[in-house]
Amino acid sequence: MTKQKRLFEESPSSKSKNKREDSLNGITNEQKYGLGKERRTLCKYEGFNKELEFTNSKHAEGIFEIAHIEHTELDIEVEIDGKHSKRLWLTLMIDDYSRRVLAFYLTEEPSYNSCMMVIRKCVKKYNRLPKNLVVDGGMELNSDDFETLLVTYGIHMKQRPLVKAEFNNVVERLFGLTNNFFIHYLMGNTRNGRQVNNSMNSKNHVVWTLETLNKRLENWINYVYDNYINPSLQQSPKEAFLNSFEVSGHPNIYIPYDETFILMTLPSPKGKTRKVHPRRGIKLNYLYYWCKQFNDPMLEYTKVEVKFDPLNTGILYAYVNNQWIRCQLSVTSI
């Protein structure tokens, strides 16, 4: 496979396109991002162009037209390495029209990797991606990998204004439902975290791992939330999604879930490059990865660009001889 980003050297970034649109519409930075405390005070009295309350009517005209991505820290302690526990972060991608959860991802710390993974999971399940993606404008989205992925598949990114927390209440309300009607009923939840006695300390009641919680959360989303009657829709997210599908058919372009797409969703490690060690390969996170191309003496001790798979630590991709090569976890690392 050729290096994907070379195909888009002439294409403007999403940030540049948004800036150009604002300029043509006469929108200044002050109007868009506010003027500190004064702007925040005015926000209480002004109307905003997309009020995404959970109980308000949808403003998308069909499924996969607009989706929202947001992160939240769950109120539960999860076992990490057999000795320690910590709270996990949940990343959701939710369809604006049907309020259906298109994909979710659990991780120890949120980053642009989480956004890449929900996009990947969405394609794996539906072979489709939304036309517009609303994000919180966090620093984790300022990534070349994420930018290239959006440009490749024609996704227009909309950033939620930082001074308007209510702008993404569709997802915020779902986070509340997840905590109140799912997480708080599980052992190890931190709802009573303020009480410091040992009997109520959530760290003394840790029974979940990332894998087991992921499976239980998947069941809750697919069988409980997806069939919950939404007040604004007067039907469940599942019914709204299927009804829109019956009316409009297959929305957007079909995206095959193949190695080319997976490679586009893989994040780069910090620094982007790693050194090729003779007879050992590339070292990443204390593990070594190898491919037959590393037998070339010309590659020894050179640095090559790499991408890793958060869902599969057994593989890694290295950019060697103008193409991405799949590397396998070395047996010496096991």
C-alpha atoms as a PDB file:
ATOM      1  CA  MET A   1       0.000   0.000   0.000  1.00  0.00           C
ATOM      2  CA  THR A   2       1.276   3.446  -0.856  1.00  0.00           C
ATOM      3  CA  LYS A   3       1.532   6.149   1.761  1.00  0.00           C
ATOM      4  CA  GLN A   4      -2.014   7.532   2.058  1.00  0.00           C
ATOM      5  CA  LYS A   5      -1.192  11.065   3.112  1.00  0.00           C
ATOM      6  CA  ARG A   6       0.617  11.732  -0.178  1.00  0.00           C
ATOM      7  CA  LEU A   7      -2.732  11.509  -1.957  1.00  0.00           C
ATOM      8  CA  PHE A   8      -3.978  14.534  -0.063  1.00  0.00           C
ATOM      9  CA  GLU A   9      -1.049  16.943  -0.144  1.00  0.00           C
ATOM     10  CA  GLU A  10      -3.084  19.287  -2.363  1.00  0.00           C
ATOM     11  CA  SER A  11      -6.290  19.000  -0.290  1.00  0.00           C
ATOM     12  CA  PRO A  12      -6.990  21.662   2.341  1.00  0.00           C
ATOM     13  CA  SER A  13      -7.381  20.488   5.924  1.00  0.00           C
ATOM     14  CA  SER A  14     -10.731  20.545   7.739  1.00  0.00           C
ATOM     15  CA  LYS A  15      -9.429  23.418   9.869  1.00  0.00           C
ATOM     16  CA  SER A  16      -8.575  25.452   6.750  1.00  0.00           C
ATOM     17  CA  LYS A  17     -11.960  24.759   5.169  1.00  0.00           C
ATOM     18  CA  ASN A  18     -13.813  25.762   8.333  1.00  0.00           C
ATOM     19  CA  LYS A  19     -11.770  28.952   8.582  1.00  0.00           C
ATOM     20  CA  ARG A  20     -12.523  29.767   4.949  1.00  0.00           C
ATOM     21  CA  GLU A  21     -16.256  29.188   5.474  1.00  0.00           C
ATOM     22  CA  ASP A  22     -16.268  31.479   8.511  1.00  0.00           C
ATOM     23  CA  SER A  23     -14.476  34.147   6.503  1.00  0.00           C
ATOM     24  CA  LEU A  24     -17.009  33.955   3.665  1.00  0.00           C
ATOM     25  CA  ASN A  25     -19.873  34.111   6.151  1.00  0.00           C
ATOM     26  CA  GLY A  26     -18.354  37.090   7.976  1.00  0.00           C
ATOM     27  CA  ILE A  27     -17.827  35.185  11.248  1.00  0.00           C
ATOM     28  CA  THR A  28     -14.976  36.491  13.392  1.00  0.00           C
ATOM     29  CA  ASN A  29     -13.004  34.588  16.027  1.00  0.00           C
ATOM     30  CA  GLU A  30     -14.637  36.720  18.714  1.00  0.00           C
ATOM     31  CA  GLN A  31     -18.084  35.700  17.502  1.00  0.00           C
ATOM     32  CA  LYS A  32     -17.082  32.057  17.218  1.00  0.00           C
ATOM     33  CA  TYR A  33     -15.063  31.520  20.386  1.00  0.00           C
ATOM     34  CA  GLY A  34     -16.237  34.373  22.605  1.00  0.00           C
ATOM     35  CA  LEU A  35     -14.620  37.062  24.697  1.00  0.00           C
ATOM     36  CA  GLY A  36     -13.973  35.363  28.023  1.00  0.00           C
ATOM     37  CA  LYS A  37     -16.369  35.943  30.911  1.00  0.00           C
ATOM     38  CA  GLU A  38     -18.428  38.509  29.002  1.00  0.00           C
ATOM     39  CA  ARG A  39     -19.114  35.985  26.222  1.00  0.00           C
ATOM     40  CA  ARG A  40     -20.030  33.266  28.712  1.00  0.00           C
ATOM     41  CA  THR A  41     -22.499  35.619  30.369  1.00  0.00           C
ATOM     42  CA  LEU A  42     -24.120  36.477  27.030  1.00  0.00           C
ATOM     43  CA  CYS A  43     -24.441  32.781  26.167  1.00  0.00           C
ATOM     44  CA  LYS A  44     -27.062  32.429  28.890  1.00  0.00           C
ATOM     45  CA  TYR A  45     -29.377  34.850  27.083  1.00  0.00           C
ATOM     46  CA  GLU A  46     -28.709  34.160  23.404  1.00  0.00           C
ATOM     47  CA  GLY A  47     -30.068  31.366  21.257  1.00  0.00           C
ATOM     48  CA  PHE A  48     -27.672  28.916  19.703  1.00  0.00           C
ATOM     49  CA  ASN A  49     -27.978  27.451  16.254  1.00  0.00           C
ATOM     50  CA  LYS A  50     -27.969  23.795  17.243  1.00  0.00           C
ATOM     51  CA  GLU A  51     -29.663  23.051  20.544  1.00  0.00           C
ATOM     52  CA  LEU A  52     -28.920  19.386  21.064  1.00  0.00           C
ATOM     53  CA  GLU A  53     -31.039  18.693  24.142  1.00  0.00           C
ATOM     54  CA  PHE A  54     -31.912  15.030  24.663  1.00  0.00           C
ATOM     55  CA  THR A  55     -35.631  15.885  24.821  1.00  0.00           C
ATOM     56  CA  ASN A  56     -35.641  18.270  21.831  1.00  0.00           C
ATOM     57  CA  SER A  57     -36.455  17.197  18.298  1.00  0.00           C
ATOM     58  CA  LYS A  58     -33.688  16.084  15.994  1.00  0.00           C
ATOM     59  CA  HIS A  59     -32.318  18.471  13.373  1.00  0.00           C
ATOM     60  CA  ALA A  60     -30.652  15.954  11.056  1.00  0.00           C
ATOM     61  CA  GLU A  61     -32.791  14.782   8.146  1.00  0.00           C
ATOM     62  CA  GLY A  62     -31.641  11.183   8.229  1.00  0.00           C
ATOM     63  CA  ILE A  63     -29.248   8.697   9.750  1.00  0.00           C
ATOM     64  CA  PHE A  64     -25.500   9.178   9.224  1.00  0.00           C
ATOM     65  CA  GLU A  65     -25.988  12.834   8.367  1.00  0.00           C
ATOM     66  CA  ILE A  66     -24.659  14.125  11.700  1.00  0.00           C
ATOM     67  CA  ALA A  67     -22.899  12.229  14.486  1.00  0.00           C
ATOM     68  CA  HIS A  68     -21.343  13.366  17.757  1.00  0.00           C
ATOM     69  CA  ILE A  69     -18.188  12.160  19.499  1.00  0.00           C
ATOM     70  CA  GLU A  70     -17.551  12.875  23.164  1.00  0.00           C
ATOM     71  CA  HIS A  71     -15.604  11.447  26.121  1.00  0.00           C
ATOM     72  CA  THR A  72     -16.482  10.991  29.787  1.00  0.00           C
ATOM     73  CA  GLU A  73     -14.895   9.321  32.807  1.00  0.00           C
ATOM     74  CA  LEU A  74     -17.083   6.499  34.127  1.00  0.00           C
ATOM     75  CA  ASP A  75     -18.017   6.210  37.794  1.00  0.00           C
ATOM     76  CA  ILE A  76     -16.469   2.776  38.303  1.00  0.00           C
ATOM     77  CA  GLU A  77     -13.102   1.288  39.299  1.00  0.00           C
ATOM     78  CA  VAL A  78     -11.678  -1.312  36.888  1.00  0.00           C
ATOM     79  CA  GLU A  79      -8.765  -3.703  37.394  1.00  0.00           C
ATOM     80  CA  ILE A  80      -5.824  -2.783  35.157  1.00  0.00           C
ATOM     81  CA  ASP A  81      -2.887  -5.109  35.787  1.00  0.00           C
ATOM     82  CA  GLY A  82      -4.010  -7.409  38.565  1.00  0.00           C
ATOM     83  CA  LYS A  83      -2.606  -5.082  41.223  1.00  0.00           C
ATOM     84  CA  HIS A  84      -4.008  -1.629  40.491  1.00  0.00           C
ATOM     85  CA  SER A  85      -7.376  -0.200  39.535  1.00  0.00           C
ATOM     86  CA  LYS A  86      -8.543   3.045  38.002  1.00  0.00           C
ATOM     87  CA  ARG A  87     -11.576   4.671  36.390  1.00  0.00           C
ATOM     88  CA  LEU A  88     -11.989   4.156  32.649  1.00  0.00           C
ATOM     89  CA  TRP A  89     -13.012   6.702  30.015  1.00  0.00           C
ATOM     90  CA  LEU A  90     -15.890   6.081  27.633  1.00  0.00           C
ATOM     91  CA  THR A  91     -15.927   7.508  24.099  1.00  0.00           C
ATOM     92  CA  LEU A  92     -19.256   7.496  22.245  1.00  0.00           C
ATOM     93  CA  MET A  93     -20.262   8.143  18.653  1.00  0.00           C
ATOM     94  CA  ILE A  94     -24.012   8.801  18.537  1.00  0.00           C
ATOM     95  CA  ASP A  95     -26.232   9.386  15.507  1.00  0.00           C
ATOM     96  CA  ASP A  96     -28.077  12.718  15.786  1.00  0.00           C
ATOM     97  CA  TYR A  97     -31.189  11.657  13.876  1.00  0.00           C
ATOM     98  CA  SER A  98     -31.943   8.397  15.679  1.00  0.00           C
ATOM     99  CA  ARG A  99     -29.919   8.922  18.895  1.00  0.00           C
ATOM    100  CA  ARG A 100     -28.480   5.465  18.269  1.00  0.00           C
ATOM    101  CA  VAL A 101     -25.002   4.668  19.569  1.00  0.00           C
ATOM    102  CA  LEU A 102     -23.020   3.924  16.424  1.00  0.00           C
ATOM    103  CA  ALA A 103     -19.865   2.914  18.297  1.00  0.00           C
ATOM    104  CA  PHE A 104     -18.184   3.127  21.692  1.00  0.00           C
ATOM    105  CA  TYR A 105     -14.669   2.651  23.037  1.00  0.00           C
ATOM    106  CA  LEU A 106     -13.282   2.140  26.551  1.00  0.00           C
ATOM    107  CA  THR A 107      -9.761   3.241  27.415  1.00  0.00           C
ATOM    108  CA  GLU A 108      -7.607   4.337  30.343  1.00  0.00           C
ATOM    109  CA  GLU A 109      -7.057   7.840  28.950  1.00  0.00           C
ATOM    110  CA  PRO A 110      -8.983   9.633  26.181  1.00  0.00           C
ATOM    111  CA  SER A 111      -7.082  10.859  23.138  1.00  0.00           C
ATOM    112  CA  TYR A 112      -7.461  11.127  19.390  1.00  0.00           C
ATOM    113  CA  ASN A 113      -6.847   7.352  19.399  1.00  0.00           C
ATOM    114  CA  SER A 114     -10.296   6.958  20.957  1.00  0.00           C
ATOM    115  CA  CYS A 115     -11.859   8.964  18.114  1.00  0.00           C
ATOM    116  CA  MET A 116     -10.082   6.821  15.535  1.00  0.00           C
ATOM    117  CA  MET A 117     -11.322   3.646  17.219  1.00  0.00           C
ATOM    118  CA  VAL A 118     -15.026   4.640  17.292  1.00  0.00           C
ATOM    119  CA  ILE A 119     -14.767   5.554  13.602  1.00  0.00           C
ATOM    120  CA  ARG A 120     -13.212   2.164  12.922  1.00  0.00           C
ATOM    121  CA  LYS A 121     -15.891   0.334  14.923  1.00  0.00           C
ATOM    122  CA  CYS A 122     -18.634   2.258  13.138  1.00  0.00           C
ATOM    123  CA  VAL A 123     -17.387   1.079   9.739  1.00  0.00           C
ATOM    124  CA  LYS A 124     -16.935  -2.467  11.004  1.00  0.00           C
ATOM    125  CA  LYS A 125     -20.612  -2.574  12.043  1.00  0.00           C
ATOM    126  CA  TYR A 126     -22.297  -0.464   9.359  1.00  0.00           C
ATOM    127  CA  ASN A 127     -19.758   0.032   6.520  1.00  0.00           C
ATOM    128  CA  ARG A 128     -20.776   3.707   6.638  1.00  0.00           C
ATOM    129  CA  LEU A 129     -19.530   6.941   8.193  1.00  0.00           C
ATOM    130  CA  PRO A 130     -21.466  10.158   8.965  1.00  0.00           C
ATOM    131  CA  LYS A 131     -21.236  13.148   6.638  1.00  0.00           C
ATOM    132  CA  ASN A 132     -20.702  15.573   9.551  1.00  0.00           C
ATOM    133  CA  LEU A 133     -18.903  14.904  12.810  1.00  0.00           C
ATOM    134  CA  VAL A 134     -19.405  17.127  15.863  1.00  0.00           C
ATOM    135  CA  VAL A 135     -16.475  17.046  18.295  1.00  0.00           C
ATOM    136  CA  ASP A 136     -15.588  18.964  21.443  1.00  0.00           C
ATOM    137  CA  GLY A 137     -12.574  20.719  19.914  1.00  0.00           C
ATOM    138  CA  GLY A 138     -10.148  19.096  22.361  1.00  0.00           C
ATOM    139  CA  MET A 139      -6.414  19.120  21.788  1.00  0.00           C
ATOM    140  CA  GLU A 140      -6.506  15.366  21.096  1.00  0.00           C
ATOM    141  CA  LEU A 141      -8.106  16.122  17.708  1.00  0.00           C
ATOM    142  CA  ASN A 142      -5.166  18.207  16.481  1.00  0.00           C
ATOM    143  CA  SER A 143      -3.627  15.174  14.835  1.00  0.00           C
ATOM    144  CA  ASP A 144      -2.379  14.604  11.309  1.00  0.00           C
ATOM    145  CA  ASP A 145      -3.672  11.023  11.392  1.00  0.00           C
ATOM    146  CA  PHE A 146      -7.167  12.102  12.426  1.00  0.00           C
ATOM    147  CA  GLU A 147      -7.170  14.962   9.914  1.00  0.00           C
ATOM    148  CA  THR A 148      -6.119  12.651   7.072  1.00  0.00           C
ATOM    149  CA  LEU A 149      -8.792  10.109   7.981  1.00  0.00           C
ATOM    150  CA  LEU A 150     -11.561  12.734   7.834  1.00  0.00           C
ATOM    151  CA  VAL A 151     -10.347  14.171   4.524  1.00  0.00           C
ATOM    152  CA  THR A 152     -10.008  10.708   2.978  1.00  0.00           C
ATOM    153  CA  TYR A 153     -13.631   9.793   3.593  1.00  0.00           C
ATOM    154  CA  GLY A 154     -15.117  13.244   3.050  1.00  0.00           C
ATOM    155  CA  ILE A 155     -16.193  13.866   6.656  1.00  0.00           C
ATOM    156  CA  HIS A 156     -16.782  17.491   7.617  1.00  0.00           C
ATOM    157  CA  MET A 157     -15.757  18.165  11.221  1.00  0.00           C
ATOM    158  CA  LYS A 158     -17.711  20.627  13.375  1.00  0.00           C
ATOM    159  CA  GLN A 159     -16.154  21.763  16.646  1.00  0.00           C
ATOM    160  CA  ARG A 160     -18.407  22.501  19.590  1.00  0.00           C
ATOM    161  CA  PRO A 161     -17.717  26.016  20.988  1.00  0.00           C
ATOM    162  CA  LEU A 162     -15.897  25.728  24.307  1.00  0.00           C
ATOM    163  CA  VAL A 163     -18.059  28.441  25.902  1.00  0.00           C
ATOM    164  CA  LYS A 164     -21.254  26.548  25.131  1.00  0.00           C
ATOM    165  CA  ALA A 165     -21.270  23.354  27.161  1.00  0.00           C
ATOM    166  CA  GLU A 166     -24.909  22.763  26.226  1.00  0.00           C
ATOM    167  CA  PHE A 167     -23.976  22.450  22.527  1.00  0.00           C
ATOM    168  CA  ASN A 168     -23.459  18.680  22.800  1.00  0.00           C
ATOM    169  CA  ASN A 169     -26.187  17.706  25.260  1.00  0.00           C
ATOM    170  CA  VAL A 170     -27.264  14.753  23.120  1.00  0.00           C
ATOM    171  CA  VAL A 171     -24.140  12.882  24.189  1.00  0.00           C
ATOM    172  CA  GLU A 172     -23.910  14.500  27.636  1.00  0.00           C
ATOM    173  CA  ARG A 173     -27.381  13.247  28.532  1.00  0.00           C
ATOM    174  CA  LEU A 174     -26.530   9.752  27.313  1.00  0.00           C
ATOM    175  CA  PHE A 175     -23.477   9.773  29.588  1.00  0.00           C
ATOM    176  CA  GLY A 176     -25.822  10.576  32.466  1.00  0.00           C
ATOM    177  CA  LEU A 177     -28.140   7.697  31.541  1.00  0.00           C
ATOM    178  CA  THR A 178     -25.176   5.324  31.282  1.00  0.00           C
ATOM    179  CA  ASN A 179     -23.922   6.229  34.751  1.00  0.00           C
ATOM    180  CA  ASN A 180     -27.321   6.430  36.482  1.00  0.00           C
ATOM    181  CA  PHE A 181     -29.011   3.373  34.961  1.00  0.00           C
ATOM    182  CA  PHE A 182     -26.042   1.096  34.309  1.00  0.00           C
ATOM    183  CA  ILE A 183     -22.726   1.939  36.002  1.00  0.00           C
ATOM    184  CA  HIS A 184     -24.246   2.856  39.394  1.00  0.00           C
ATOM    185  CA  TYR A 185     -25.828  -0.603  39.621  1.00  0.00           C
ATOM    186  CA  LEU A 186     -22.472  -2.375  39.241  1.00  0.00           C
ATOM    187  CA  MET A 187     -20.177  -3.388  42.082  1.00  0.00           C
ATOM    188  CA  GLY A 188     -17.117  -1.129  42.287  1.00  0.00           C
ATOM    189  CA  ASN A 189     -18.921   2.050  41.228  1.00  0.00           C
ATOM    190  CA  THR A 190     -17.633   5.325  42.684  1.00  0.00           C
ATOM    191  CA  ARG A 191     -21.011   6.891  43.410  1.00  0.00           C
ATOM    192  CA  ASN A 192     -20.214   6.751  47.134  1.00  0.00           C
ATOM    193  CA  GLY A 193     -16.570   7.715  46.616  1.00  0.00           C
ATOM    194  CA  ARG A 194     -16.767  10.622  49.057  1.00  0.00           C
ATOM    195  CA  GLN A 195     -17.203   8.210  51.960  1.00  0.00           C
ATOM    196  CA  VAL A 196     -13.709   7.176  52.931  1.00  0.00           C
ATOM    197  CA  ASN A 197     -14.446   4.182  55.190  1.00  0.00           C
ATOM    198  CA  ASN A 198     -13.167   0.855  53.853  1.00  0.00           C
ATOM    199  CA  SER A 199     -16.615  -0.680  53.499  1.00  0.00           C
ATOM    200  CA  MET A 200     -17.644   1.973  50.984  1.00  0.00           C
ATOM    201  CA  ASN A 201     -14.297   2.457  49.217  1.00  0.00           C
ATOM    202  CA  SER A 202     -14.795   1.453  45.580  1.00  0.00           C
ATOM    203  CA  LYS A 203     -11.176   0.270  45.323  1.00  0.00           C
ATOM    204  CA  ASN A 204     -12.038  -2.514  47.771  1.00  0.00           C
ATOM    205  CA  HIS A 205     -14.863  -3.765  45.541  1.00  0.00           C
ATOM    206  CA  VAL A 206     -13.132  -4.003  42.158  1.00  0.00           C
ATOM    207  CA  VAL A 207     -14.492  -6.978  40.204  1.00  0.00           C
ATOM    208  CA  TRP A 208     -14.423  -5.688  36.613  1.00  0.00           C
ATOM    209  CA  THR A 209     -11.703  -5.774  33.982  1.00  0.00           C
ATOM    210  CA  LEU A 210     -11.696  -3.731  30.796  1.00  0.00           C
ATOM    211  CA  GLU A 211     -12.780  -6.778  28.780  1.00  0.00           C
ATOM    212  CA  THR A 212     -15.668  -7.826  31.040  1.00  0.00           C
ATOM    213  CA  LEU A 213     -16.977  -4.274  31.455  1.00  0.00           C
ATOM    214  CA  ASN A 214     -16.737  -3.722  27.696  1.00  0.00           C
ATOM    215  CA  LYS A 215     -18.916  -6.794  27.064  1.00  0.00           C
ATOM    216  CA  ARG A 216     -21.500  -5.816  29.692  1.00  0.00           C
ATOM    217  CA  LEU A 217     -21.648  -2.229  28.396  1.00  0.00           C
ATOM    218  CA  GLU A 218     -22.107  -3.494  24.833  1.00  0.00           C
ATOM    219  CA  ASN A 219     -25.100  -5.572  25.955  1.00  0.00           C
ATOM    220  CA  TRP A 220     -26.637  -2.608  27.826  1.00  0.00           C
ATOM    221  CA  ILE A 221     -26.281  -0.295  24.814  1.00  0.00           C
ATOM    222  CA  ASN A 222     -27.623  -2.834  22.291  1.00  0.00           C
ATOM    223  CA  TYR A 223     -30.481  -4.329  24.298  1.00  0.00           C
ATOM    224  CA  VAL A 224     -31.491  -1.709  26.875  1.00  0.00           C
ATOM    225  CA  TYR A 225     -30.659   1.798  25.634  1.00  0.00           C
ATOM    226  CA  ASP A 226     -31.316   0.975  21.965  1.00  0.00           C
ATOM    227  CA  ASN A 227     -34.886  -0.073  22.861  1.00  0.00           C
ATOM    228  CA  TYR A 228     -35.534   2.784  25.298  1.00  0.00           C
ATOM    229  CA  ILE A 229     -38.318   5.160  24.156  1.00  0.00           C
ATOM    230  CA  ASN A 230     -36.746   8.560  23.540  1.00  0.00           C
ATOM    231  CA  PRO A 231     -39.077  11.476  24.553  1.00  0.00           C
ATOM    232  CA  SER A 232     -38.176  13.593  21.516  1.00  0.00           C
ATOM    233  CA  LEU A 233     -38.515  10.742  19.024  1.00  0.00           C
ATOM    234  CA  GLN A 234     -41.574   9.039  20.544  1.00  0.00           C
ATOM    235  CA  GLN A 235     -39.837   5.805  19.644  1.00  0.00           C
ATOM    236  CA  SER A 236     -36.643   3.956  20.450  1.00  0.00           C
ATOM    237  CA  PRO A 237     -33.292   4.739  18.777  1.00  0.00           C
ATOM    238  CA  LYS A 238     -33.447   1.329  17.095  1.00  0.00           C
ATOM    239  CA  GLU A 239     -36.890   2.035  15.611  1.00  0.00           C
ATOM    240  CA  ALA A 240     -35.881   5.531  14.450  1.00  0.00           C
ATOM    241  CA  PHE A 241     -32.748   4.148  12.814  1.00  0.00           C
ATOM    242  CA  LEU A 242     -34.544   1.318  11.005  1.00  0.00           C
ATOM    243  CA  ASN A 243     -37.412   3.574   9.877  1.00  0.00           C
ATOM    244  CA  SER A 244     -34.971   6.062   8.359  1.00  0.00           C
ATOM    245  CA  PHE A 245     -33.146   3.189   6.682  1.00  0.00           C
ATOM    246  CA  GLU A 246     -36.390   1.915   5.132  1.00  0.00           C
ATOM    247  CA  VAL A 247     -37.254   5.378   3.776  1.00  0.00           C
ATOM    248  CA  SER A 248     -33.858   6.518   2.473  1.00  0.00           C
ATOM    249  CA  GLY A 249     -32.101   3.203   1.912  1.00  0.00           C
ATOM    250  CA  HIS A 250     -28.345   2.928   2.256  1.00  0.00           C
ATOM    251  CA  PRO A 251     -27.002   6.382   3.243  1.00  0.00           C
ATOM    252  CA  ASN A 252     -23.580   7.640   2.153  1.00  0.00           C
ATOM    253  CA  ILE A 253     -20.880   5.636   0.376  1.00  0.00           C
ATOM    254  CA  TYR A 254     -20.167   2.000   1.209  1.00  0.00           C
ATOM    255  CA  ILE A 255     -16.803   1.666   2.994  1.00  0.00           C
ATOM    256  CA  PRO A 256     -15.245  -1.812   3.011  1.00  0.00           C
ATOM    257  CA  TYR A 257     -13.744  -2.870   6.321  1.00  0.00           C
ATOM    258  CA  ASP A 258     -10.423  -4.040   4.910  1.00  0.00           C
ATOM    259  CA  GLU A 259      -6.722  -3.602   5.616  1.00  0.00           C
ATOM    260  CA  THR A 260      -6.601  -0.298   3.725  1.00  0.00           C
ATOM    261  CA  PHE A 261      -9.301   1.222   5.923  1.00  0.00           C
ATOM    262  CA  ILE A 262      -7.862  -0.248   9.133  1.00  0.00           C
ATOM    263  CA  LEU A 263      -4.471   1.252   8.300  1.00  0.00           C
ATOM    264  CA  MET A 264      -6.081   4.670   7.899  1.00  0.00           C
ATOM    265  CA  THR A 265      -7.502   4.447  11.429  1.00  0.00           C
ATOM    266  CA  LEU A 266      -4.260   3.399  13.116  1.00  0.00           C
ATOM    267  CA  PRO A 267      -2.619   6.093  15.268  1.00  0.00           C
ATOM    268  CA  SER A 268       1.069   6.923  15.349  1.00  0.00           C
ATOM    269  CA  PRO A 269       3.125   6.724  18.545  1.00  0.00           C
ATOM    270  CA  LYS A 270       4.717   9.803  20.042  1.00  0.00           C
ATOM    271  CA  GLY A 271       7.489  10.921  17.709  1.00  0.00           C
ATOM    272  CA  LYS A 272       5.976   8.851  14.850  1.00  0.00           C
ATOM    273  CA  THR A 273       9.237   6.995  14.078  1.00  0.00           C
ATOM    274  CA  ARG A 274      11.136   4.104  15.671  1.00  0.00           C
ATOM    275  CA  LYS A 275      14.619   2.664  15.162  1.00  0.00           C
ATOM    276  CA  VAL A 276      15.161  -0.699  13.449  1.00  0.00           C
ATOM    277  CA  HIS A 277      17.366  -2.863  15.680  1.00  0.00           C
ATOM    278  CA  PRO A 278      19.380  -5.666  14.018  1.00  0.00           C
ATOM    279  CA  ARG A 279      17.840  -9.145  14.526  1.00  0.00           C
ATOM    280  CA  ARG A 280      15.219  -7.682  16.886  1.00  0.00           C
ATOM    281  CA  GLY A 281      13.186  -5.213  14.845  1.00  0.00           C
ATOM    282  CA  ILE A 282      11.224  -2.205  16.074  1.00  0.00           C
ATOM    283  CA  LYS A 283      10.663  -1.600  19.773  1.00  0.00           C
ATOM    284  CA  LEU A 284       7.347  -0.083  20.900  1.00  0.00           C
ATOM    285  CA  ASN A 285       6.004  -0.111  24.459  1.00  0.00           C
ATOM    286  CA  TYR A 286       8.714  -2.567  25.565  1.00  0.00           C
ATOM    287  CA  LEU A 287       7.791  -5.027  22.786  1.00  0.00           C
ATOM    288  CA  TYR A 288       9.686  -5.875  19.592  1.00  0.00           C
ATOM    289  CA  TYR A 289       8.079  -6.307  16.153  1.00  0.00           C
ATOM    290  CA  TRP A 290       9.638  -7.973  13.127  1.00  0.00           C
ATOM    291  CA  CYS A 291       9.112  -8.399   9.377  1.00  0.00           C
ATOM    292  CA  LYS A 292      11.323  -9.974   6.716  1.00  0.00           C
ATOM    293  CA  GLN A 293      12.201  -6.566   5.245  1.00  0.00           C
ATOM    294  CA  PHE A 294      14.276  -5.855   8.362  1.00  0.00           C
ATOM    295  CA  ASN A 295      16.827  -8.426   7.139  1.00  0.00           C
ATOM    296  CA  ASP A 296      18.087  -5.709   4.773  1.00  0.00           C
ATOM    297  CA  PRO A 297      21.400  -4.393   6.223  1.00  0.00           C
ATOM    298  CA  MET A 298      20.588  -0.935   4.836  1.00  0.00           C
ATOM    299  CA  LEU A 299      17.705  -0.623   7.314  1.00  0.00           C
ATOM    300  CA  GLU A 300      19.753  -1.350  10.434  1.00  0.00           C
ATOM    301  CA  TYR A 301      19.626   1.516  12.952  1.00  0.00           C
ATOM    302  CA  THR A 302      17.523   3.633  10.609  1.00  0.00           C
ATOM    303  CA  LYS A 303      14.293   5.245  11.806  1.00  0.00           C
ATOM    304  CA  VAL A 304      11.044   4.385  10.058  1.00  0.00           C
ATOM    305  CA  GLU A 305       7.521   5.712  10.495  1.00  0.00           C
ATOM    306  CA  VAL A 306       5.232   3.323  12.383  1.00  0.00           C
ATOM    307  CA  LYS A 307       1.543   2.892  13.252  1.00  0.00           C
ATOM    308  CA  PHE A 308       0.148   0.691  16.030  1.00  0.00           C
ATOM    309  CA  ASP A 309      -3.205  -1.014  16.552  1.00  0.00           C
ATOM    310  CA  PRO A 310      -4.877  -0.257  19.936  1.00  0.00           C
ATOM    311  CA  LEU A 311      -7.175  -3.251  19.389  1.00  0.00           C
ATOM    312  CA  ASN A 312      -4.381  -5.703  18.557  1.00  0.00           C
ATOM    313  CA  THR A 313      -0.970  -5.443  20.242  1.00  0.00           C
ATOM    314  CA  GLY A 314       0.264  -8.374  18.171  1.00  0.00           C
ATOM    315  CA  ILE A 315       0.813  -6.292  15.026  1.00  0.00           C
ATOM    316  CA  LEU A 316       2.436  -3.029  13.978  1.00  0.00           C
ATOM    317  CA  TYR A 317       2.872  -1.298  10.603  1.00  0.00           C
ATOM    318  CA  ALA A 318       6.181   0.168   9.431  1.00  0.00           C
ATOM    319  CA  TYR A 319       6.717   2.394   6.389  1.00  0.00           C
ATOM    320  CA  VAL A 320       9.537   0.621   4.523  1.00  0.00           C
ATOM    321  CA  ASN A 321      10.569   1.097   0.886  1.00  0.00           C
ATOM    322  CA  ASN A 322       7.653   3.435   0.143  1.00  0.00           C
ATOM    323  CA  GLN A 323       4.955   1.116   1.446  1.00  0.00           C
ATOM    324  CA  TRP A 324       3.344   0.101   4.718  1.00  0.00           C
ATOM    325  CA  ILE A 325       4.553  -3.317   5.893  1.00  0.00           C
ATOM    326  CA  ARG A 326       2.785  -5.385   8.534  1.00  0.00           C
ATOM    327  CA  CYS A 327       5.075  -6.472  11.358  1.00  0.00           C
ATOM    328  CA  GLN A 328       4.369  -9.260  13.833  1.00  0.00           C
ATOM    329  CA  LEU A 329       5.120  -9.358  17.529  1.00  0.00           C
ATOM    330  CA  SER A 330       8.529 -10.978  17.966  1.00  0.00           C
ATOM    331  CA  VAL A 331       8.662 -14.270  19.892  1.00  0.00           C
ATOM    332  CA  THR A 332      11.516 -12.779  21.963  1.00  0.00           C
ATOM    333  CA  SER A 333       9.000 -10.277  23.385  1.00  0.00           C
ATOM    334  CA  ILE A 334       6.630 -12.951  24.674  1.00  0.00           C
END
